[in-house]
Protein backbone atom coordinates (compact mmCIF):
# COMPACT_ATOMS: atom_id res chain seq x y z
CA MET A 1 78.90 -86.69 65.75
CA GLY A 2 79.56 -86.65 62.00
CA THR A 3 75.84 -86.83 61.22
CA LYS A 4 75.10 -83.97 63.59
CA ARG A 5 77.81 -81.86 62.04
CA THR A 6 76.49 -82.59 58.55
CA THR A 7 72.94 -81.66 59.55
CA VAL A 8 74.06 -78.38 61.07
CA ASP A 9 76.17 -77.67 58.00
CA VAL A 10 73.21 -78.28 55.67
CA PHE A 11 71.00 -76.05 57.84
CA TRP A 12 73.43 -73.13 57.66
CA ARG A 13 73.89 -73.60 53.92
CA LEU A 14 70.13 -73.47 53.39
CA LEU A 15 69.89 -70.41 55.62
CA LEU A 16 72.62 -68.63 53.66
CA LEU A 17 70.95 -69.65 50.39
CA LEU A 18 67.64 -68.11 51.52
CA TRP A 19 69.47 -64.97 52.60
CA ALA A 20 71.17 -64.76 49.19
CA ILE A 21 67.80 -65.14 47.44
CA THR A 22 66.31 -62.26 49.43
CA ILE A 23 69.20 -60.08 48.19
CA VAL A 24 69.38 -61.23 44.57
CA PHE A 25 65.64 -61.49 43.83
CA PRO A 26 64.83 -57.74 44.24
CA ILE A 27 67.74 -56.89 41.92
CA LEU A 28 66.50 -59.33 39.26
CA TRP A 29 62.93 -58.06 39.69
CA ILE A 30 63.99 -54.44 39.11
CA LEU A 31 66.02 -55.57 36.08
CA TYR A 32 63.17 -57.24 34.22
CA GLU A 33 60.67 -54.58 35.27
CA SER A 34 62.95 -51.99 33.67
CA LEU A 35 62.58 -53.81 30.33
CA LYS A 36 58.76 -53.65 30.28
CA THR A 37 56.31 -51.02 29.15
CA ASN A 38 54.28 -49.16 31.77
CA LYS A 39 51.17 -50.94 30.47
CA GLU A 40 52.78 -54.35 31.11
CA PHE A 41 53.99 -53.22 34.52
CA PHE A 42 50.54 -52.19 35.73
CA ALA A 43 48.90 -55.27 34.17
CA ASP A 44 51.08 -57.77 36.11
CA ILE A 45 54.15 -56.82 38.10
CA TRP A 46 55.35 -60.46 38.26
CA ALA A 47 55.07 -61.33 34.57
CA LEU A 48 58.16 -61.28 32.36
CA PRO A 49 58.23 -58.67 29.55
CA GLN A 50 56.91 -59.81 26.17
CA SER A 51 59.78 -57.97 24.48
CA LEU A 52 62.84 -56.17 25.82
CA HIS A 53 62.49 -52.38 25.82
CA TRP A 54 66.07 -51.14 26.07
CA GLU A 55 64.91 -47.65 25.16
CA ASN A 56 63.88 -47.26 28.80
CA TYR A 57 67.57 -46.97 29.67
CA THR A 58 68.17 -44.26 27.06
CA LYS A 59 65.17 -42.35 28.38
CA ALA A 60 66.35 -42.71 32.00
CA TRP A 61 69.86 -41.53 31.08
CA THR A 62 68.58 -38.37 29.40
CA SER A 63 65.51 -37.48 31.49
CA TYR A 64 67.26 -38.01 34.84
CA LYS A 65 70.51 -36.39 33.63
CA LEU A 66 72.53 -39.38 34.77
CA GLY A 67 75.56 -38.37 32.71
CA SER A 68 76.26 -35.20 34.71
CA ALA A 69 75.30 -36.98 37.95
CA PHE A 70 77.88 -39.71 37.25
CA LEU A 71 80.57 -37.08 36.56
CA ASN A 72 79.75 -35.36 39.87
CA THR A 73 79.84 -38.72 41.64
CA LEU A 74 83.14 -39.63 39.98
CA TYR A 75 84.76 -36.39 41.16
CA TYR A 76 83.32 -36.65 44.67
CA VAL A 77 84.06 -40.36 45.16
CA GLY A 78 87.45 -40.34 43.41
CA ALA A 79 88.92 -37.37 45.25
CA SER A 80 87.46 -38.43 48.62
CA LEU A 81 88.76 -41.96 48.10
CA LEU A 82 92.34 -40.91 47.33
CA LEU A 83 92.63 -38.25 50.03
CA GLY A 84 90.64 -40.16 52.65
CA THR A 85 92.52 -43.44 52.17
CA PHE A 86 95.87 -41.64 52.46
CA LEU A 87 94.79 -39.88 55.66
CA VAL A 88 93.43 -43.11 57.18
CA THR A 89 96.73 -44.87 56.44
CA LEU A 90 98.74 -41.98 57.87
CA ASN A 91 96.63 -41.79 61.04
CA ALA A 92 96.62 -45.56 61.54
CA TYR A 93 100.43 -45.59 61.25
CA ALA A 94 100.84 -42.77 63.75
CA LEU A 95 98.47 -44.32 66.30
CA THR A 96 99.75 -47.91 66.05
CA ARG A 97 103.46 -47.67 65.22
CA LEU A 98 104.68 -44.46 66.87
CA GLN A 99 105.15 -43.85 70.58
CA PHE A 100 104.21 -40.39 71.84
CA ARG A 101 102.55 -38.83 74.86
CA GLY A 102 98.76 -38.94 74.73
CA ARG A 103 98.53 -41.80 72.22
CA LYS A 104 96.50 -44.03 74.54
CA LEU A 105 94.19 -41.13 75.38
CA ILE A 106 93.54 -40.50 71.68
CA TRP A 107 92.74 -44.20 71.14
CA SER A 108 90.38 -44.11 74.12
CA VAL A 109 88.52 -41.11 72.69
CA ILE A 110 88.31 -42.84 69.32
CA MET A 111 86.88 -45.98 70.92
CA LEU A 112 84.42 -43.87 72.91
CA SER A 113 83.15 -42.30 69.69
CA LEU A 114 81.95 -45.74 68.58
CA PHE A 115 79.12 -45.43 71.12
CA LEU A 116 77.95 -42.10 69.70
CA PRO A 117 75.53 -42.20 66.75
CA GLY A 118 76.99 -40.42 63.74
CA ILE A 119 73.77 -38.46 63.24
CA ASN A 120 74.63 -36.47 66.38
CA ALA A 121 77.42 -34.72 64.49
CA LEU A 122 75.16 -33.65 61.64
CA ILE A 123 74.15 -30.23 62.99
CA PRO A 124 77.65 -29.18 64.25
CA GLN A 125 79.13 -30.29 60.92
CA TYR A 126 76.58 -28.31 58.94
CA VAL A 127 77.15 -25.17 61.03
CA LEU A 128 80.92 -25.53 60.56
CA MET A 129 80.59 -26.12 56.81
CA ARG A 130 78.28 -23.10 56.48
CA GLU A 131 80.67 -20.83 58.37
CA LEU A 132 83.54 -21.97 56.14
CA HIS A 133 81.40 -21.38 53.02
CA LEU A 134 81.76 -25.00 51.96
CA THR A 135 78.07 -25.81 51.52
CA ASN A 136 76.68 -26.43 48.02
CA SER A 137 80.16 -27.47 46.94
CA LEU A 138 81.44 -30.87 45.84
CA THR A 139 84.93 -29.83 46.97
CA GLY A 140 83.55 -28.96 50.41
CA LEU A 141 81.89 -32.37 50.54
CA ILE A 142 85.23 -33.99 49.67
CA ILE A 143 86.94 -32.10 52.51
CA LEU A 144 84.22 -33.14 54.96
CA ASP A 145 84.39 -36.83 54.04
CA SER A 146 88.19 -36.97 53.84
CA PHE A 147 88.93 -35.27 57.16
CA GLY A 148 85.93 -36.71 58.98
CA GLU A 149 87.79 -39.84 60.12
CA SER A 150 85.88 -43.12 60.08
CA VAL A 151 86.57 -45.15 63.22
CA PHE A 152 85.78 -48.41 61.41
CA PHE A 153 88.44 -47.83 58.73
CA LEU A 154 90.96 -46.65 61.32
CA LEU A 155 90.48 -49.77 63.47
CA LEU A 156 90.51 -52.06 60.44
CA LEU A 157 93.80 -50.75 59.08
CA GLY A 158 95.26 -50.20 62.54
CA GLY A 159 94.75 -53.87 63.38
CA PHE A 160 96.63 -54.84 60.24
CA LEU A 161 99.51 -52.42 60.86
CA GLN A 162 99.99 -53.77 64.39
CA SER A 163 100.75 -57.19 62.89
CA LEU A 164 103.80 -55.93 60.98
CA PRO A 165 107.21 -56.63 62.60
CA LYS A 166 108.77 -53.63 64.36
CA GLU A 167 112.27 -54.64 63.26
CA LEU A 168 111.61 -53.38 59.72
CA GLU A 169 111.28 -49.79 60.89
CA GLU A 170 114.19 -50.03 63.34
CA SER A 171 116.59 -51.25 60.64
CA ALA A 172 115.43 -48.49 58.28
CA PHE A 173 115.99 -45.82 60.94
CA MET A 174 119.48 -47.22 61.55
CA ASP A 175 120.21 -46.82 57.83
CA GLY A 176 119.30 -43.14 58.04
CA ALA A 177 115.76 -43.18 56.68
CA SER A 178 113.42 -40.39 57.75
CA LEU A 179 110.04 -41.00 59.36
CA PHE A 180 108.14 -40.28 56.15
CA GLN A 181 110.50 -42.49 54.11
CA VAL A 182 109.82 -45.38 56.47
CA PHE A 183 106.10 -44.78 56.17
CA TRP A 184 106.04 -44.39 52.38
CA ARG A 185 108.65 -46.95 51.31
CA ILE A 186 108.17 -49.68 53.93
CA ILE A 187 104.83 -49.44 55.71
CA VAL A 188 102.65 -48.54 52.71
CA PRO A 189 103.93 -51.34 50.40
CA LEU A 190 103.62 -53.95 53.16
CA SER A 191 100.15 -52.67 54.08
CA THR A 192 98.79 -52.83 50.53
CA PRO A 193 96.26 -55.65 51.26
CA GLY A 194 94.80 -53.71 54.19
CA ILE A 195 94.84 -50.39 52.30
CA VAL A 196 93.07 -51.95 49.31
CA THR A 197 90.41 -53.40 51.63
CA VAL A 198 89.84 -50.00 53.23
CA ALA A 199 89.71 -48.35 49.78
CA ILE A 200 87.05 -50.83 48.58
CA PHE A 201 84.89 -50.26 51.66
CA LYS A 202 85.35 -46.51 51.34
CA PHE A 203 84.33 -46.58 47.68
CA LEU A 204 81.12 -48.45 48.44
CA ASN A 205 80.41 -46.15 51.36
CA LEU A 206 81.04 -42.98 49.34
CA TYR A 207 79.16 -44.13 46.25
CA ASN A 208 76.11 -45.08 48.29
CA ASN A 209 76.31 -41.96 50.47
CA PHE A 210 73.02 -40.11 50.19
CA LEU A 211 72.48 -38.04 53.33
CA GLN A 212 75.45 -35.67 53.10
CA PRO A 213 75.11 -34.84 49.37
CA PHE A 214 71.38 -34.39 49.90
CA ILE A 215 71.89 -31.95 52.77
CA TYR A 216 74.88 -29.98 51.50
CA LEU A 217 74.22 -29.77 47.74
CA SER A 218 71.31 -27.48 46.85
CA ASP A 219 72.27 -26.94 43.20
CA PRO A 220 70.74 -29.71 40.99
CA LYS A 221 73.75 -29.45 38.65
CA LYS A 222 75.99 -30.69 41.49
CA HIS A 223 73.85 -33.63 42.61
CA THR A 224 75.41 -37.08 42.87
CA ILE A 225 73.75 -40.18 41.46
CA GLY A 226 72.04 -41.07 44.73
CA VAL A 227 70.43 -37.64 45.11
CA ASN A 228 69.41 -37.64 41.45
CA MET A 229 67.61 -40.96 41.84
CA TYR A 230 65.89 -39.73 44.99
CA HIS A 231 64.42 -36.77 43.12
CA ALA A 232 63.46 -39.09 40.26
CA ASN A 233 61.57 -41.25 42.76
CA GLN A 234 59.82 -38.17 44.16
CA LYS A 235 58.52 -37.37 40.67
CA MET A 236 56.55 -40.62 40.71
CA GLN A 237 54.00 -38.84 42.90
CA TYR A 238 52.94 -36.94 39.77
CA SER A 239 53.94 -39.44 37.08
CA THR A 240 53.48 -43.15 36.39
CA ASP A 241 56.63 -43.84 34.37
CA TRP A 242 57.87 -46.55 36.71
CA VAL A 243 59.77 -48.59 34.12
CA THR A 244 62.04 -45.62 33.36
CA LEU A 245 62.67 -45.20 37.08
CA PHE A 246 63.61 -48.89 37.35
CA ALA A 247 65.99 -48.44 34.41
CA GLY A 248 67.63 -45.50 36.21
CA VAL A 249 67.95 -47.52 39.43
CA THR A 250 69.57 -50.37 37.47
CA ILE A 251 72.11 -47.98 35.92
CA ALA A 252 72.88 -46.53 39.36
CA MET A 253 73.47 -50.02 40.82
CA ILE A 254 75.99 -51.14 38.19
CA PRO A 255 79.20 -49.65 39.74
CA SER A 256 78.50 -51.10 43.20
CA ILE A 257 77.62 -54.53 41.80
CA LEU A 258 80.78 -54.60 39.67
CA ILE A 259 82.94 -53.69 42.67
CA TYR A 260 81.34 -56.48 44.71
CA ILE A 261 81.86 -59.03 41.93
CA VAL A 262 85.47 -58.09 41.11
CA PHE A 263 86.76 -57.55 44.67
CA GLN A 264 84.66 -59.91 46.79
CA LYS A 265 87.62 -62.24 47.40
CA ARG A 266 89.93 -59.33 48.26
CA ILE A 267 87.35 -57.92 50.69
CA ALA A 268 87.03 -61.24 52.51
CA GLU A 269 90.81 -61.78 52.67
CA GLY A 270 91.71 -58.23 53.59
CA ALA A 271 89.06 -57.92 56.32
CA THR A 272 90.57 -60.85 58.23
CA LEU A 273 94.24 -60.51 57.25
CA GLY A 274 95.30 -58.44 60.25
CA THR A 275 93.57 -60.70 62.77
CA VAL A 276 95.07 -63.84 61.26
CA LYS A 277 98.59 -62.43 61.41
CA GLY A 278 98.13 -61.03 64.88
């Protein structure tokens, strides 16, 4: 039995190792391709660069206007993250901790929406945004992402909130605390691990969001980093400066990679914290 378990364990470890290689290798390949010249790239795409050409990154930063794109992304992601995380926490608290008529019906509708592809809402959302004059606006995009509730985040945080003891709220109400005081001073501090997990997932989702900024932002000065890199890739139809494009892609990947490296333990713990307690 022990031998069988060891063999299965080794098999899964090898499988995970191969999976990790398929993820890491493309990133490393883009990294060393970004340090070549175009002549070296077209001569042999697998060969390492003879010397490191860091000027490719300077050229990518200026020619693709990554500075302004990062500022747009920072405003869009930062504001959406703060407002969206607060609203998710507030909604999860209301739907899991409060008793009111129609609560089960709302949860049922939310669960039903899981079976509907998100792309189905694209046209109604665009029509609504256009009628409200919120297209071609980063602020409009923030409103759309913040108030467009994500079922995944709501279920994730809701599962964690359900694991908290009800007696904490009851004792606070007996001491004269208001509903918002209970939420802000008791529920939010105790829910910090779950809120941080949701915030990390939301950041990655917002930073890598391409479709909505691409559809709603027509002004190039308002483009986020993802849209900027898409247009840079489109230019390769008329240009052969691939090493500069790889340098731009590497710059664009840095924030997501750093978040994964710094918070990978918190993501793993927070994603399972509510289920373990419950």
